[in-house]
PDB file of N, CA and C in Angstrom:
ATOM      1  N   UNK A   1     -12.455  13.055  10.506  1.00  0.00           N
ATOM      2  CA  UNK A   1     -13.220  12.252   9.570  1.00  0.00           C
ATOM      3  C   UNK A   1     -12.869  10.780   9.795  1.00  0.00           C
ATOM      4  N   UNK A   2     -13.871   9.932   9.916  1.00  0.00           N
ATOM      5  CA  UNK A   2     -13.683   8.500  10.090  1.00  0.00           C
ATOM      6  C   UNK A   2     -13.659   7.827   8.722  1.00  0.00           C
ATOM      7  N   UNK A   3     -12.650   7.003   8.491  1.00  0.00           N
ATOM      8  CA  UNK A   3     -12.511   6.313   7.211  1.00  0.00           C
ATOM      9  C   UNK A   3     -12.630   4.820   7.452  1.00  0.00           C
ATOM     10  N   UNK A   4     -13.514   4.168   6.709  1.00  0.00           N
ATOM     11  CA  UNK A   4     -13.655   2.721   6.817  1.00  0.00           C
ATOM     12  C   UNK A   4     -12.694   2.067   5.841  1.00  0.00           C
ATOM     13  N   UNK A   5     -11.849   1.209   6.360  1.00  0.00           N
ATOM     14  CA  UNK A   5     -10.896   0.498   5.506  1.00  0.00           C
ATOM     15  C   UNK A   5     -11.583  -0.692   4.858  1.00  0.00           C
ATOM     16  N   UNK A   6     -11.129  -1.053   3.698  1.00  0.00           N
ATOM     17  CA  UNK A   6     -11.658  -2.203   2.972  1.00  0.00           C
ATOM     18  C   UNK A   6     -10.559  -2.727   2.065  1.00  0.00           C
ATOM     19  N   UNK A   7     -10.834  -3.837   1.418  1.00  0.00           N
ATOM     20  CA  UNK A   7      -9.902  -4.401   0.450  1.00  0.00           C
ATOM     21  C   UNK A   7     -10.681  -5.082  -0.654  1.00  0.00           C
ATOM     22  N   UNK A   8     -10.020  -5.274  -1.765  1.00  0.00           N
ATOM     23  CA  UNK A   8     -10.551  -6.094  -2.836  1.00  0.00           C
ATOM     24  C   UNK A   8      -9.904  -7.470  -2.660  1.00  0.00           C
ATOM     25  N   UNK A   9     -10.724  -8.481  -2.463  1.00  0.00           N
ATOM     26  CA  UNK A   9     -10.232  -9.848  -2.282  1.00  0.00           C
ATOM     27  C   UNK A   9     -10.616 -10.667  -3.508  1.00  0.00           C
ATOM     28  N   UNK A  10      -9.657 -11.393  -4.055  1.00  0.00           N
ATOM     29  CA  UNK A  10      -9.912 -12.263  -5.196  1.00  0.00           C
ATOM     30  C   UNK A  10      -9.573 -13.679  -4.776  1.00  0.00           C
ATOM     31  N   UNK A  11     -10.534 -14.600  -4.959  1.00  0.00           N
ATOM     32  CA  UNK A  11     -10.312 -15.986  -4.545  1.00  0.00           C
ATOM     33  C   UNK A  11     -10.995 -16.958  -5.484  1.00  0.00           C
ATOM     34  N   UNK A  12     -10.423 -18.144  -5.560  1.00  0.00           N
ATOM     35  CA  UNK A  12     -11.020 -19.195  -6.377  1.00  0.00           C
ATOM     36  C   UNK A  12     -12.065 -19.924  -5.553  1.00  0.00           C
ATOM     37  N   UNK A  13     -13.227 -20.105  -6.161  1.00  0.00           N
ATOM     38  CA  UNK A  13     -14.316 -20.857  -5.541  1.00  0.00           C
ATOM     39  C   UNK A  13     -14.847 -21.811  -6.601  1.00  0.00           C
ATOM     40  N   UNK A  14     -14.442 -23.068  -6.509  1.00  0.00           N
ATOM     41  CA  UNK A  14     -14.847 -24.053  -7.510  1.00  0.00           C
ATOM     42  C   UNK A  14     -14.284 -23.690  -8.863  1.00  0.00           C
ATOM     43  N   UNK A  15     -15.141 -23.547  -9.843  1.00  0.00           N
ATOM     44  CA  UNK A  15     -14.709 -23.233 -11.200  1.00  0.00           C
ATOM     45  C   UNK A  15     -14.793 -21.746 -11.518  1.00  0.00           C
ATOM     46  N   UNK A  16     -14.890 -20.913 -10.494  1.00  0.00           N
ATOM     47  CA  UNK A  16     -14.938 -19.471 -10.704  1.00  0.00           C
ATOM     48  C   UNK A  16     -13.887 -18.763  -9.865  1.00  0.00           C
ATOM     49  N   UNK A  17     -13.436 -17.637 -10.372  1.00  0.00           N
ATOM     50  CA  UNK A  17     -12.629 -16.701  -9.602  1.00  0.00           C
ATOM     51  C   UNK A  17     -13.607 -15.601  -9.199  1.00  0.00           C
ATOM     52  N   UNK A  18     -13.682 -15.306  -7.910  1.00  0.00           N
ATOM     53  CA  UNK A  18     -14.667 -14.349  -7.407  1.00  0.00           C
ATOM     54  C   UNK A  18     -13.950 -13.160  -6.766  1.00  0.00           C
ATOM     55  N   UNK A  19     -14.408 -11.962  -7.093  1.00  0.00           N
ATOM     56  CA  UNK A  19     -13.861 -10.734  -6.526  1.00  0.00           C
ATOM     57  C   UNK A  19     -14.856 -10.175  -5.520  1.00  0.00           C
ATOM     58  N   UNK A  20     -14.362  -9.821  -4.351  1.00  0.00           N
ATOM     59  CA  UNK A  20     -15.180  -9.277  -3.273  1.00  0.00           C
ATOM     60  C   UNK A  20     -14.622  -7.947  -2.795  1.00  0.00           C
ATOM     61  N   UNK A  21     -15.489  -7.134  -2.201  1.00  0.00           N
ATOM     62  CA  UNK A  21     -15.076  -6.017  -1.362  1.00  0.00           C
ATOM     63  C   UNK A  21     -15.244  -6.533   0.056  1.00  0.00           C
ATOM     64  N   UNK A  22     -14.184  -6.446   0.858  1.00  0.00           N
ATOM     65  CA  UNK A  22     -14.195  -7.041   2.191  1.00  0.00           C
ATOM     66  C   UNK A  22     -13.492  -6.129   3.198  1.00  0.00           C
ATOM     67  N   UNK A  23     -13.732  -6.411   4.465  1.00  0.00           N
ATOM     68  CA  UNK A  23     -13.016  -5.729   5.532  1.00  0.00           C
ATOM     69  C   UNK A  23     -11.552  -6.174   5.496  1.00  0.00           C
ATOM     70  N   UNK A  24     -10.640  -5.400   6.073  1.00  0.00           N
ATOM     71  CA  UNK A  24      -9.222  -5.738   5.988  1.00  0.00           C
ATOM     72  C   UNK A  24      -8.841  -7.104   6.553  1.00  0.00           C
ATOM     73  N   UNK A  25      -9.440  -7.525   7.642  1.00  0.00           N
ATOM     74  CA  UNK A  25      -8.972  -8.742   8.314  1.00  0.00           C
ATOM     75  C   UNK A  25      -9.933  -9.918   8.242  1.00  0.00           C
ATOM     76  N   UNK A  26     -11.071  -9.758   7.568  1.00  0.00           N
ATOM     77  CA  UNK A  26     -12.052 -10.839   7.538  1.00  0.00           C
ATOM     78  C   UNK A  26     -12.875 -10.785   6.255  1.00  0.00           C
ATOM     79  N   UNK A  27     -13.442 -11.922   5.900  1.00  0.00           N
ATOM     80  CA  UNK A  27     -14.372 -11.964   4.770  1.00  0.00           C
ATOM     81  C   UNK A  27     -15.820 -11.823   5.258  1.00  0.00           C
ATOM     82  N   UNK A  28     -16.009 -11.726   6.560  1.00  0.00           N
ATOM     83  CA  UNK A  28     -17.366 -11.569   7.103  1.00  0.00           C
ATOM     84  C   UNK A  28     -17.980 -10.279   6.564  1.00  0.00           C
ATOM     85  N   UNK A  29     -19.166 -10.381   6.009  1.00  0.00           N
ATOM     86  CA  UNK A  29     -19.858  -9.223   5.454  1.00  0.00           C
ATOM     87  C   UNK A  29     -19.362  -8.800   4.080  1.00  0.00           C
ATOM     88  N   UNK A  30     -18.473  -9.575   3.478  1.00  0.00           N
ATOM     89  CA  UNK A  30     -17.948  -9.232   2.152  1.00  0.00           C
ATOM     90  C   UNK A  30     -19.060  -9.285   1.115  1.00  0.00           C
ATOM     91  N   UNK A  31     -18.942  -8.454   0.077  1.00  0.00           N
ATOM     92  CA  UNK A  31     -19.924  -8.560  -0.999  1.00  0.00           C
ATOM     93  C   UNK A  31     -19.221  -8.747  -2.335  1.00  0.00           C
ATOM     94  N   UNK A  32     -19.825  -9.601  -3.136  1.00  0.00           N
ATOM     95  CA  UNK A  32     -19.273  -9.995  -4.429  1.00  0.00           C
ATOM     96  C   UNK A  32     -19.475  -8.882  -5.442  1.00  0.00           C
ATOM     97  N   UNK A  33     -18.414  -8.584  -6.213  1.00  0.00           N
ATOM     98  CA  UNK A  33     -18.520  -7.552  -7.239  1.00  0.00           C
ATOM     99  C   UNK A  33     -18.248  -8.068  -8.646  1.00  0.00           C
ATOM    100  N   UNK A  34     -17.610  -9.251  -8.776  1.00  0.00           N
ATOM    101  CA  UNK A  34     -17.334  -9.782 -10.116  1.00  0.00           C
ATOM    102  C   UNK A  34     -16.966 -11.259 -10.022  1.00  0.00           C
ATOM    103  N   UNK A  35     -17.189 -11.968 -11.132  1.00  0.00           N
ATOM    104  CA  UNK A  35     -16.761 -13.364 -11.239  1.00  0.00           C
ATOM    105  C   UNK A  35     -16.126 -13.583 -12.604  1.00  0.00           C
ATOM    106  N   UNK A  36     -15.298 -14.608 -12.661  1.00  0.00           N
ATOM    107  CA  UNK A  36     -14.619 -14.981 -13.897  1.00  0.00           C
ATOM    108  C   UNK A  36     -14.458 -16.494 -13.887  1.00  0.00           C
ATOM    109  N   UNK A  37     -14.737 -17.145 -14.990  1.00  0.00           N
ATOM    110  CA  UNK A  37     -14.520 -18.590 -15.093  1.00  0.00           C
ATOM    111  C   UNK A  37     -13.023 -18.886 -15.007  1.00  0.00           C
ATOM    112  N   UNK A  38     -12.679 -19.977 -14.323  1.00  0.00           N
ATOM    113  CA  UNK A  38     -11.279 -20.348 -14.159  1.00  0.00           C
ATOM    114  C   UNK A  38     -10.592 -20.483 -15.515  1.00  0.00           C
ATOM    115  N   UNK A  39     -11.247 -21.083 -16.477  1.00  0.00           N
ATOM    116  CA  UNK A  39     -10.653 -21.244 -17.807  1.00  0.00           C
ATOM    117  C   UNK A  39     -10.300 -19.915 -18.449  1.00  0.00           C
ATOM    118  N   UNK A  40     -11.147 -18.922 -18.281  1.00  0.00           N
ATOM    119  CA  UNK A  40     -10.864 -17.596 -18.841  1.00  0.00           C
ATOM    120  C   UNK A  40      -9.679 -16.955 -18.130  1.00  0.00           C
ATOM    121  N   UNK A  41      -9.541 -17.230 -16.839  1.00  0.00           N
ATOM    122  CA  UNK A  41      -8.432 -16.662 -16.060  1.00  0.00           C
ATOM    123  C   UNK A  41      -7.085 -17.217 -16.502  1.00  0.00           C
ATOM    124  N   UNK A  42      -7.097 -18.325 -17.225  1.00  0.00           N
ATOM    125  CA  UNK A  42      -5.848 -18.912 -17.717  1.00  0.00           C
ATOM    126  C   UNK A  42      -5.286 -18.162 -18.926  1.00  0.00           C
ATOM    127  N   UNK A  43      -6.077 -17.266 -19.498  1.00  0.00           N
ATOM    128  CA  UNK A  43      -5.607 -16.413 -20.596  1.00  0.00           C
ATOM    129  C   UNK A  43      -4.975 -15.173 -19.956  1.00  0.00           C
ATOM    130  N   UNK A  44      -3.666 -14.976 -20.108  1.00  0.00           N
ATOM    131  CA  UNK A  44      -2.989 -13.896 -19.385  1.00  0.00           C
ATOM    132  C   UNK A  44      -3.638 -12.519 -19.532  1.00  0.00           C
ATOM    133  N   UNK A  45      -4.063 -12.183 -20.742  1.00  0.00           N
ATOM    134  CA  UNK A  45      -4.669 -10.860 -20.950  1.00  0.00           C
ATOM    135  C   UNK A  45      -5.994 -10.726 -20.200  1.00  0.00           C
ATOM    136  N   UNK A  46      -6.754 -11.801 -20.145  1.00  0.00           N
ATOM    137  CA  UNK A  46      -8.036 -11.773 -19.421  1.00  0.00           C
ATOM    138  C   UNK A  46      -7.779 -11.646 -17.925  1.00  0.00           C
ATOM    139  N   UNK A  47      -6.825 -12.426 -17.414  1.00  0.00           N
ATOM    140  CA  UNK A  47      -6.505 -12.376 -15.978  1.00  0.00           C
ATOM    141  C   UNK A  47      -6.016 -10.985 -15.584  1.00  0.00           C
ATOM    142  N   UNK A  48      -5.148 -10.375 -16.397  1.00  0.00           N
ATOM    143  CA  UNK A  48      -4.663  -9.021 -16.101  1.00  0.00           C
ATOM    144  C   UNK A  48      -5.802  -8.010 -16.137  1.00  0.00           C
ATOM    145  N   UNK A  49      -6.726  -8.151 -17.081  1.00  0.00           N
ATOM    146  CA  UNK A  49      -7.872  -7.237 -17.158  1.00  0.00           C
ATOM    147  C   UNK A  49      -8.771  -7.390 -15.930  1.00  0.00           C
ATOM    148  N   UNK A  50      -8.952  -8.613 -15.455  1.00  0.00           N
ATOM    149  CA  UNK A  50      -9.769  -8.858 -14.261  1.00  0.00           C
ATOM    150  C   UNK A  50      -9.123  -8.192 -13.039  1.00  0.00           C
ATOM    151  N   UNK A  51      -7.807  -8.360 -12.891  1.00  0.00           N
ATOM    152  CA  UNK A  51      -7.117  -7.722 -11.767  1.00  0.00           C
ATOM    153  C   UNK A  51      -7.170  -6.198 -11.883  1.00  0.00           C
ATOM    154  N   UNK A  52      -7.042  -5.683 -13.095  1.00  0.00           N
ATOM    155  CA  UNK A  52      -7.130  -4.232 -13.295  1.00  0.00           C
ATOM    156  C   UNK A  52      -8.508  -3.714 -12.899  1.00  0.00           C
ATOM    157  N   UNK A  53      -9.545  -4.495 -13.185  1.00  0.00           N
ATOM    158  CA  UNK A  53     -10.889  -4.105 -12.758  1.00  0.00           C
ATOM    159  C   UNK A  53     -10.927  -3.968 -11.237  1.00  0.00           C
ATOM    160  N   UNK A  54     -10.275  -4.878 -10.521  1.00  0.00           N
ATOM    161  CA  UNK A  54     -10.198  -4.775  -9.066  1.00  0.00           C
ATOM    162  C   UNK A  54      -9.513  -3.500  -8.620  1.00  0.00           C
ATOM    163  N   UNK A  55      -8.431  -3.144  -9.301  1.00  0.00           N
ATOM    164  CA  UNK A  55      -7.727  -1.900  -8.978  1.00  0.00           C
ATOM    165  C   UNK A  55      -8.644  -0.696  -9.203  1.00  0.00           C
ATOM    166  N   UNK A  56      -9.357  -0.703 -10.315  1.00  0.00           N
ATOM    167  CA  UNK A  56     -10.260   0.408 -10.624  1.00  0.00           C
ATOM    168  C   UNK A  56     -11.390   0.514  -9.607  1.00  0.00           C
ATOM    169  N   UNK A  57     -11.899  -0.618  -9.164  1.00  0.00           N
ATOM    170  CA  UNK A  57     -12.944  -0.614  -8.132  1.00  0.00           C
ATOM    171  C   UNK A  57     -12.395  -0.009  -6.847  1.00  0.00           C
ATOM    172  N   UNK A  58     -11.201  -0.433  -6.441  1.00  0.00           N
ATOM    173  CA  UNK A  58     -10.599   0.090  -5.211  1.00  0.00           C
ATOM    174  C   UNK A  58     -10.400   1.605  -5.290  1.00  0.00           C
ATOM    175  N   UNK A  59      -9.849   2.071  -6.389  1.00  0.00           N
ATOM    176  CA  UNK A  59      -9.615   3.507  -6.557  1.00  0.00           C
ATOM    177  C   UNK A  59     -10.948   4.258  -6.623  1.00  0.00           C
ATOM    178  N   UNK A  60     -11.911   3.718  -7.363  1.00  0.00           N
ATOM    179  CA  UNK A  60     -13.218   4.370  -7.474  1.00  0.00           C
ATOM    180  C   UNK A  60     -13.927   4.499  -6.139  1.00  0.00           C
ATOM    181  N   UNK A  61     -13.869   3.456  -5.324  1.00  0.00           N
ATOM    182  CA  UNK A  61     -14.484   3.530  -3.997  1.00  0.00           C
ATOM    183  C   UNK A  61     -13.811   4.583  -3.128  1.00  0.00           C
ATOM    184  N   UNK A  62     -12.490   4.614  -3.161  1.00  0.00           N
ATOM    185  CA  UNK A  62     -11.758   5.591  -2.346  1.00  0.00           C
ATOM    186  C   UNK A  62     -12.053   7.010  -2.813  1.00  0.00           C
ATOM    187  N   UNK A  63     -11.980   7.233  -4.106  1.00  0.00           N
ATOM    188  CA  UNK A  63     -12.231   8.579  -4.627  1.00  0.00           C
ATOM    189  C   UNK A  63     -13.678   8.990  -4.407  1.00  0.00           C
ATOM    190  N   UNK A  64     -14.595   8.027  -4.508  1.00  0.00           N
ATOM    191  CA  UNK A  64     -16.010   8.316  -4.237  1.00  0.00           C
ATOM    192  C   UNK A  64     -16.242   8.736  -2.799  1.00  0.00           C
ATOM    193  N   UNK A  65     -15.370   8.294  -1.908  1.00  0.00           N
ATOM    194  CA  UNK A  65     -15.461   8.670  -0.494  1.00  0.00           C
ATOM    195  C   UNK A  65     -14.691   9.960  -0.217  1.00  0.00           C
ATOM    196  N   UNK A  66     -14.169  10.586  -1.283  1.00  0.00           N
ATOM    197  CA  UNK A  66     -13.452  11.841  -1.122  1.00  0.00           C
ATOM    198  C   UNK A  66     -12.008  11.676  -0.682  1.00  0.00           C
ATOM    199  N   UNK A  67     -11.441  10.493  -0.870  1.00  0.00           N
ATOM    200  CA  UNK A  67     -10.059  10.244  -0.463  1.00  0.00           C
ATOM    201  C   UNK A  67      -9.125  10.303  -1.662  1.00  0.00           C
ATOM    202  N   UNK A  68      -7.910  10.747  -1.448  1.00  0.00           N
ATOM    203  CA  UNK A  68      -6.886  10.716  -2.487  1.00  0.00           C
ATOM    204  C   UNK A  68      -6.167   9.377  -2.397  1.00  0.00           C
ATOM    205  N   UNK A  69      -6.012   8.704  -3.509  1.00  0.00           N
ATOM    206  CA  UNK A  69      -5.291   7.436  -3.539  1.00  0.00           C
ATOM    207  C   UNK A  69      -3.850   7.734  -3.922  1.00  0.00           C
ATOM    208  N   UNK A  70      -2.934   7.387  -3.019  1.00  0.00           N
ATOM    209  CA  UNK A  70      -1.517   7.626  -3.294  1.00  0.00           C
ATOM    210  C   UNK A  70      -0.766   6.333  -3.556  1.00  0.00           C
ATOM    211  N   UNK A  71      -1.335   5.186  -3.139  1.00  0.00           N
ATOM    212  CA  UNK A  71      -0.675   3.904  -3.355  1.00  0.00           C
ATOM    213  C   UNK A  71      -1.689   2.782  -3.190  1.00  0.00           C
ATOM    214  N   UNK A  72      -1.447   1.682  -3.877  1.00  0.00           N
ATOM    215  CA  UNK A  72      -2.227   0.460  -3.702  1.00  0.00           C
ATOM    216  C   UNK A  72      -1.258  -0.625  -3.262  1.00  0.00           C
ATOM    217  N   UNK A  73      -1.697  -1.466  -2.351  1.00  0.00           N
ATOM    218  CA  UNK A  73      -0.858  -2.549  -1.855  1.00  0.00           C
ATOM    219  C   UNK A  73      -1.446  -3.880  -2.304  1.00  0.00           C
ATOM    220  N   UNK A  74      -0.595  -4.761  -2.827  1.00  0.00           N
ATOM    221  CA  UNK A  74      -1.034  -6.078  -3.266  1.00  0.00           C
ATOM    222  C   UNK A  74      -0.294  -7.125  -2.457  1.00  0.00           C
ATOM    223  N   UNK A  75      -1.029  -8.092  -1.944  1.00  0.00           N
ATOM    224  CA  UNK A  75      -0.405  -9.165  -1.169  1.00  0.00           C
ATOM    225  C   UNK A  75      -1.251 -10.414  -1.256  1.00  0.00           C
ATOM    226  N   UNK A  76      -0.630 -11.529  -0.955  1.00  0.00           N
ATOM    227  CA  UNK A  76      -1.341 -12.802  -0.946  1.00  0.00           C
ATOM    228  C   UNK A  76      -2.339 -12.824   0.202  1.00  0.00           C
ATOM    229  N   UNK A  77      -3.371 -13.624   0.027  1.00  0.00           N
ATOM    230  CA  UNK A  77      -4.374 -13.785   1.094  1.00  0.00           C
ATOM    231  C   UNK A  77      -3.738 -14.441   2.307  1.00  0.00           C
ATOM    232  N   UNK A  78      -4.234 -14.097   3.502  1.00  0.00           N
ATOM    233  CA  UNK A  78      -3.754 -14.793   4.697  1.00  0.00           C
ATOM    234  C   UNK A  78      -4.133 -16.270   4.646  1.00  0.00           C
ATOM    235  N   UNK A  79      -3.362 -17.103   5.299  1.00  0.00           N
ATOM    236  CA  UNK A  79      -3.595 -18.547   5.263  1.00  0.00           C
ATOM    237  C   UNK A  79      -5.017 -18.943   5.643  1.00  0.00           C
ATOM    238  N   UNK A  80      -5.603 -18.260   6.636  1.00  0.00           N
ATOM    239  CA  UNK A  80      -6.933 -18.649   7.086  1.00  0.00           C
ATOM    240  C   UNK A  80      -8.024 -18.364   6.051  1.00  0.00           C
ATOM    241  N   UNK A  81      -7.681 -17.621   4.984  1.00  0.00           N
ATOM    242  CA  UNK A  81      -8.660 -17.336   3.937  1.00  0.00           C
ATOM    243  C   UNK A  81      -8.440 -18.160   2.670  1.00  0.00           C
ATOM    244  N   UNK A  82      -7.422 -18.958   2.608  1.00  0.00           N
ATOM    245  CA  UNK A  82      -7.105 -19.664   1.370  1.00  0.00           C
ATOM    246  C   UNK A  82      -7.967 -20.875   1.122  1.00  0.00           C
ATOM    247  N   UNK A  83      -8.830 -21.226   2.035  1.00  0.00           N
ATOM    248  CA  UNK A  83      -9.761 -22.331   1.840  1.00  0.00           C
ATOM    249  C   UNK A  83     -11.114 -21.927   2.395  1.00  0.00           C
ATOM    250  N   UNK A  84     -12.162 -22.538   1.880  1.00  0.00           N
ATOM    251  CA  UNK A  84     -13.494 -22.239   2.379  1.00  0.00           C
ATOM    252  C   UNK A  84     -14.167 -21.132   1.606  1.00  0.00           C
ATOM    253  N   UNK A  85     -15.346 -20.787   2.018  1.00  0.00           N
ATOM    254  CA  UNK A  85     -16.149 -19.765   1.345  1.00  0.00           C
ATOM    255  C   UNK A  85     -16.226 -18.522   2.203  1.00  0.00           C
ATOM    256  N   UNK A  86     -16.476 -17.402   1.562  1.00  0.00           N
ATOM    257  CA  UNK A  86     -16.640 -16.131   2.275  1.00  0.00           C
ATOM    258  C   UNK A  86     -17.920 -16.141   3.055  1.00  0.00           C
TER     259      UNK A  86
END
């Protein structure tokens, strides 16, 4: 069985925080799944809920593909993605 890898990428774009589903090593072909105003992200409970939504999306996509999720990995974006648009 061939499994396509993906990631949930969260990045600031102007006055919004944008969540994407993207390939592991690039933002090329990424698609947007959620946005949050920067001001709202400054409220800790809102920011945690937004990140939890990303976790749920990742797990839902994997389980929808018939995969068992045993772990999630969280890491900072690579340097080449910290500026610019997807």
